[in-house]
Amino acid sequence: MTTFLLDTNILSAIIRREACAEPRFRQAIADDDALFLSVVVYYEVKRGLLRRDAKKQMATFEHLVNQFAWCDVIQEDWELAAHLWVERTKIGRPIEDADLLIAAQAKRLGAILVTDNEKDFDDLGVKIENWKA
């Protein structure tokens, strides 16, 4: 069994039933892989759907949420995110706080981070997979 934590762009692609991401998601379910949903990703997707008043996509999102194990941000994630922020800032490659928290959660879970923004996470010590590639 493989453990996956999905980034916002991948969950959004699944909601839109994009050709590459959605079948890979279904395969992960069929393989009984562990699928985690970060509270950060939940927030980013939810606010975007609310802003656009995307009722049909919101219904799809609410249904999909049940396929995931919930992943809260805990103190360990905040600590690691702070250290990662310092490392990235020192080398002139700052990263958004939300992405740092998602990366920290993936590390804690030992999960593969599924994202279409590979370059944002490439030197954070997280295994990465792109379901849109």
Protein backbone atom coordinates (compact mmCIF):
# COMPACT_ATOMS: atom_id res chain seq x y z
CA MET A 1 0.00 0.00 0.00
CA THR A 2 1.29 3.43 -0.96
CA THR A 3 0.51 6.59 0.99
CA PHE A 4 -0.36 9.73 -0.96
CA LEU A 5 -0.99 13.33 0.09
CA LEU A 6 -2.55 15.37 -2.70
CA ASP A 7 -1.69 18.99 -3.40
CA THR A 8 -4.39 21.50 -4.27
CA ASN A 9 -3.69 21.49 -8.01
CA ILE A 10 -4.11 17.71 -8.23
CA LEU A 11 -7.32 17.61 -6.21
CA SER A 12 -8.66 20.42 -8.40
CA ALA A 13 -7.76 18.41 -11.51
CA ILE A 14 -9.62 15.39 -10.12
CA ILE A 15 -12.68 17.52 -9.41
CA ARG A 16 -12.55 18.73 -13.03
CA ARG A 17 -12.10 15.09 -14.14
CA GLU A 18 -8.95 15.90 -16.08
CA ALA A 19 -7.77 13.08 -18.31
CA CYS A 20 -4.56 12.20 -16.46
CA ALA A 21 -5.28 12.92 -12.79
CA GLU A 22 -8.75 11.43 -12.36
CA PRO A 23 -7.92 7.91 -13.63
CA ARG A 24 -4.77 7.80 -11.47
CA PHE A 25 -6.87 8.75 -8.44
CA ARG A 26 -9.36 5.96 -9.22
CA GLN A 27 -6.45 3.52 -9.54
CA ALA A 28 -5.13 4.53 -6.11
CA ILE A 29 -8.57 3.80 -4.65
CA ALA A 30 -8.72 0.43 -6.44
CA ASP A 31 -5.23 -0.40 -5.14
CA ASP A 32 -6.39 0.44 -1.60
CA ASP A 33 -3.69 3.07 -1.27
CA ALA A 34 -3.82 5.46 1.67
CA LEU A 35 -5.09 8.85 0.47
CA PHE A 36 -4.70 11.84 2.78
CA LEU A 37 -6.34 15.25 2.50
CA SER A 38 -4.53 18.10 4.20
CA VAL A 39 -6.67 20.66 5.95
CA VAL A 40 -4.64 23.23 4.00
CA VAL A 41 -5.65 21.70 0.66
CA TYR A 42 -9.26 21.40 1.83
CA TYR A 43 -9.27 25.11 2.65
CA GLU A 44 -7.67 26.16 -0.64
CA VAL A 45 -10.07 24.10 -2.75
CA LYS A 46 -13.16 25.03 -0.73
CA ARG A 47 -12.49 28.77 -0.86
CA GLY A 48 -11.88 28.65 -4.61
CA LEU A 49 -15.13 26.81 -5.27
CA LEU A 50 -17.07 29.16 -2.99
CA ARG A 51 -15.58 32.23 -4.68
CA ARG A 52 -16.68 30.97 -8.10
CA ASP A 53 -20.03 29.71 -6.79
CA ALA A 54 -19.21 26.40 -8.54
CA LYS A 55 -22.10 24.34 -7.19
CA LYS A 56 -21.57 21.27 -9.37
CA GLN A 57 -17.85 21.11 -8.61
CA MET A 58 -18.59 21.74 -4.92
CA ALA A 59 -20.87 18.68 -4.87
CA THR A 60 -18.11 16.62 -6.50
CA PHE A 61 -15.60 17.96 -3.97
CA GLU A 62 -17.82 17.15 -0.99
CA HIS A 63 -18.25 13.60 -2.31
CA LEU A 64 -14.50 13.18 -2.91
CA VAL A 65 -13.59 14.31 0.60
CA ASN A 66 -15.02 11.04 1.91
CA GLN A 67 -12.35 9.10 -0.03
CA PHE A 68 -9.57 10.62 2.07
CA ALA A 69 -8.20 10.33 5.56
CA TRP A 70 -8.15 13.79 7.17
CA CYS A 71 -4.73 15.26 7.93
CA ASP A 72 -4.66 18.06 10.48
CA VAL A 73 -1.66 20.35 10.87
CA ILE A 74 0.06 19.50 14.14
CA GLN A 75 2.90 21.21 16.03
CA GLU A 76 5.50 18.94 14.39
CA ASP A 77 4.36 20.20 10.98
CA TRP A 78 4.69 23.83 12.04
CA GLU A 79 8.20 23.19 13.39
CA LEU A 80 9.38 21.48 10.21
CA ALA A 81 7.73 24.09 8.00
CA ALA A 82 9.59 26.85 9.87
CA HIS A 83 12.92 25.10 9.32
CA LEU A 84 12.15 24.50 5.65
CA TRP A 85 11.20 28.16 5.24
CA VAL A 86 14.59 29.24 6.63
CA GLU A 87 16.45 26.83 4.33
CA ARG A 88 14.60 27.99 1.23
CA THR A 89 14.88 31.68 2.13
CA LYS A 90 18.65 31.38 2.62
CA ILE A 91 19.09 30.06 -0.93
CA GLY A 92 16.78 32.66 -2.44
CA ARG A 93 13.94 30.25 -3.19
CA PRO A 94 11.12 31.26 -0.82
CA ILE A 95 7.97 29.17 -0.85
CA GLU A 96 4.38 29.83 0.21
CA ASP A 97 3.49 28.89 3.78
CA ALA A 98 0.69 26.62 2.58
CA ASP A 99 3.14 24.61 0.47
CA LEU A 100 5.60 24.37 3.36
CA LEU A 101 2.88 22.97 5.60
CA ILE A 102 1.79 20.46 2.96
CA ALA A 103 5.40 19.34 2.48
CA ALA A 104 5.86 18.98 6.24
CA GLN A 105 2.71 16.87 6.46
CA ALA A 106 3.90 14.63 3.63
CA LYS A 107 7.22 14.11 5.40
CA ARG A 108 5.51 13.27 8.69
CA LEU A 109 3.20 10.77 7.01
CA GLY A 110 5.96 9.26 4.89
CA ALA A 111 3.65 10.05 1.98
CA ILE A 112 4.28 10.74 -1.66
CA LEU A 113 3.24 14.31 -2.36
CA VAL A 114 1.17 14.37 -5.54
CA THR A 115 1.56 17.76 -7.19
CA ASP A 116 1.79 19.48 -10.54
CA ASN A 117 4.19 22.04 -9.01
CA GLU A 118 7.18 19.74 -8.73
CA LYS A 119 9.77 22.53 -8.75
CA ASP A 120 8.22 24.09 -5.64
CA PHE A 121 8.90 20.94 -3.63
CA ASP A 122 11.98 19.48 -5.34
CA ASP A 123 14.53 20.19 -2.60
CA LEU A 124 12.38 19.72 0.50
CA GLY A 125 13.14 16.04 1.04
CA VAL A 126 9.67 14.90 -0.01
CA LYS A 127 8.91 12.17 -2.52
CA ILE A 128 6.94 13.69 -5.41
CA GLU A 129 4.65 12.28 -8.07
CA ASN A 130 2.78 14.18 -10.76
CA TRP A 131 -0.55 12.64 -11.80
CA LYS A 132 -0.99 15.26 -14.53
CA ALA A 133 2.24 14.36 -16.36
